[in-house]
């Protein structure tokens, strides 16, 4: 039984261009903008969590 025309193995990215691109990407590292966006703000509080817990306990607002 022969294989179907479109039944092929997945193409592999092993060419010189791919290797060169990956080498450049590894050398550059992570861009500072990405690092800044992935970190939480310094002054963040758990106010929302406190409010959800208060509602869950069926308490009245503190203010």
C-alpha atoms as a PDB file:
ATOM      1  CA  UNK A   1       0.000   0.000   0.000  1.00  0.00           C
ATOM      2  CA  UNK A   2       1.467   3.339  -1.003  1.00  0.00           C
ATOM      3  CA  UNK A   3       1.214   6.630   0.817  1.00  0.00           C
ATOM      4  CA  UNK A   4      -1.200   9.336  -0.193  1.00  0.00           C
ATOM      5  CA  UNK A   5       0.157  12.315  -2.138  1.00  0.00           C
ATOM      6  CA  UNK A   6      -0.307  14.756   0.763  1.00  0.00           C
ATOM      7  CA  UNK A   7       0.815  12.308   3.442  1.00  0.00           C
ATOM      8  CA  UNK A   8       4.322  13.558   4.197  1.00  0.00           C
ATOM      9  CA  UNK A   9       6.489  13.937   7.255  1.00  0.00           C
ATOM     10  CA  UNK A  10       6.505  17.361   8.852  1.00  0.00           C
ATOM     11  CA  UNK A  11       9.070  19.680   7.281  1.00  0.00           C
ATOM     12  CA  UNK A  12      12.068  20.318   9.513  1.00  0.00           C
ATOM     13  CA  UNK A  13      13.638  23.729   9.915  1.00  0.00           C
ATOM     14  CA  UNK A  14      17.295  22.775   9.772  1.00  0.00           C
ATOM     15  CA  UNK A  15      18.576  25.152   7.111  1.00  0.00           C
ATOM     16  CA  UNK A  16      21.460  27.579   7.473  1.00  0.00           C
ATOM     17  CA  UNK A  17      19.099  30.574   7.546  1.00  0.00           C
ATOM     18  CA  UNK A  18      17.146  29.148  10.479  1.00  0.00           C
ATOM     19  CA  UNK A  19      20.326  28.371  12.394  1.00  0.00           C
ATOM     20  CA  UNK A  20      21.637  31.886  11.756  1.00  0.00           C
ATOM     21  CA  UNK A  21      18.342  33.455  12.880  1.00  0.00           C
ATOM     22  CA  UNK A  22      18.294  31.404  16.081  1.00  0.00           C
ATOM     23  CA  UNK A  23      21.914  32.309  16.824  1.00  0.00           C
ATOM     24  CA  UNK A  24      21.109  36.023  16.443  1.00  0.00           C
ATOM     25  CA  UNK A  25      18.021  35.697  18.632  1.00  0.00           C
ATOM     26  CA  UNK A  26      20.008  33.928  21.363  1.00  0.00           C
ATOM     27  CA  UNK A  27      22.733  36.574  21.288  1.00  0.00           C
ATOM     28  CA  UNK A  28      20.266  39.469  21.549  1.00  0.00           C
ATOM     29  CA  UNK A  29      18.525  38.131  24.618  1.00  0.00           C
ATOM     30  CA  UNK A  30      15.246  39.551  25.872  1.00  0.00           C
ATOM     31  CA  UNK A  31      14.315  43.089  24.855  1.00  0.00           C
ATOM     32  CA  UNK A  32      13.969  45.506  27.823  1.00  0.00           C
ATOM     33  CA  UNK A  33      10.407  46.377  26.804  1.00  0.00           C
ATOM     34  CA  UNK A  34       9.377  42.720  27.111  1.00  0.00           C
ATOM     35  CA  UNK A  35      10.977  42.494  30.555  1.00  0.00           C
ATOM     36  CA  UNK A  36       9.127  45.636  31.658  1.00  0.00           C
ATOM     37  CA  UNK A  37       5.766  44.409  30.424  1.00  0.00           C
ATOM     38  CA  UNK A  38       6.109  40.995  32.032  1.00  0.00           C
ATOM     39  CA  UNK A  39       6.686  42.321  35.552  1.00  0.00           C
ATOM     40  CA  UNK A  40       4.017  43.440  37.969  1.00  0.00           C
ATOM     41  CA  UNK A  41       3.786  47.082  38.989  1.00  0.00           C
ATOM     42  CA  UNK A  42       5.506  47.816  42.300  1.00  0.00           C
ATOM     43  CA  UNK A  43       2.578  49.344  44.162  1.00  0.00           C
ATOM     44  CA  UNK A  44       0.030  46.635  43.473  1.00  0.00           C
ATOM     45  CA  UNK A  45      -2.316  45.583  46.267  1.00  0.00           C
ATOM     46  CA  UNK A  46      -4.678  42.680  46.756  1.00  0.00           C
ATOM     47  CA  UNK A  47      -7.737  44.942  47.026  1.00  0.00           C
ATOM     48  CA  UNK A  48      -9.812  42.974  44.508  1.00  0.00           C
ATOM     49  CA  UNK A  49      -9.116  39.705  46.296  1.00  0.00           C
ATOM     50  CA  UNK A  50     -10.074  41.290  49.608  1.00  0.00           C
ATOM     51  CA  UNK A  51     -13.365  42.494  48.128  1.00  0.00           C
ATOM     52  CA  UNK A  52     -14.174  39.094  46.605  1.00  0.00           C
ATOM     53  CA  UNK A  53     -13.485  37.397  49.920  1.00  0.00           C
ATOM     54  CA  UNK A  54     -15.669  39.954  51.715  1.00  0.00           C
ATOM     55  CA  UNK A  55     -18.517  39.255  49.288  1.00  0.00           C
ATOM     56  CA  UNK A  56     -17.996  35.513  49.691  1.00  0.00           C
ATOM     57  CA  UNK A  57     -18.271  35.864  53.462  1.00  0.00           C
ATOM     58  CA  UNK A  58     -21.393  38.006  52.922  1.00  0.00           C
ATOM     59  CA  UNK A  59     -20.011  40.945  54.888  1.00  0.00           C
ATOM     60  CA  UNK A  60     -20.919  44.585  54.472  1.00  0.00           C
ATOM     61  CA  UNK A  61     -18.466  47.075  52.906  1.00  0.00           C
ATOM     62  CA  UNK A  62     -15.977  48.646  55.328  1.00  0.00           C
ATOM     63  CA  UNK A  63     -16.548  52.245  54.166  1.00  0.00           C
END
